[in-house]
Amino acid sequence: MAIKRALTIQNILDKKYDLFDFEDEWFDAFDKPEKTGVWFIWGNSGNGKTSFTLKLMEHLSRFEHIVFNSREEGTKHTLKKSLVKFNMQDDKNKIHVVDENMEVFTKRLNLKKSAKIAVIDSYQTTQMTFNDYLKFKEQFPKKLIIFISQASGRKPTGRPAESVMYDASLKIWVEGYKAFSKGRYIGTKGNYTIWPEKAFDYWGEHKKVLSQI
């Protein structure tokens, strides 16, 4: 294997990157991340993880086509309810939903005109080891791969998922209907409010207001 030329500091400074042009609340939370690489979203059940994932997909679909591998929920009625809840009637067909094992899904992503963004829910359903993950992501250097993960406490469930979290360029922890950026891309605020009313109740902000009166 040939050794690549080492880059100088100036080479890095002169390099052009393809970034998502996030604005407003998305920029405040996550800055302007690269359009390729791996993002990792994790959180406990009932904290808004699915809601955030759908909102994120809707926003990302303004930039690129998305394929959502819904392994955990499939295409059940509960998924339909969530799509309707967040008004995700996709009249431009920029988001497609599948329920495929990783062998079939990998073949789909290798198709000539496949989506630029792949969302996989959840990492645990893939049954991938960390080495499997490394081989998978190396196949798609020009795509953005987003893994959704179950959580045990405040950590992703399982050692492989935890390793993927550390490897990801954008790590997003969901708790109390807020999504927090935990590394590499952090906006001026560092978090995104998924559901204002429920976030307000969870984080007890009303108590802080009362204590100041």
Foldseek 3Di string as FASTA:
>chain_A
DDDDDDDDPVNVVPDDFAWAPDDDLVCQAFNIHGQFFEEEEEEAPPQCRVLVVVVVQLVCLVPWAEEEAAQPPAPDPVVVVSCVVVVVPPPPNRYHYGHDAPVVVLVQCPDPPHIQEYEYPAPVSNVDALVSVVVSSVVRRRHYYYHYFYDDVQAGPDPRSRVVQVRGCWYWYGGQQKIATDHNGGHNNRIHRSDVVSSCVVVVVVVVVVVVD
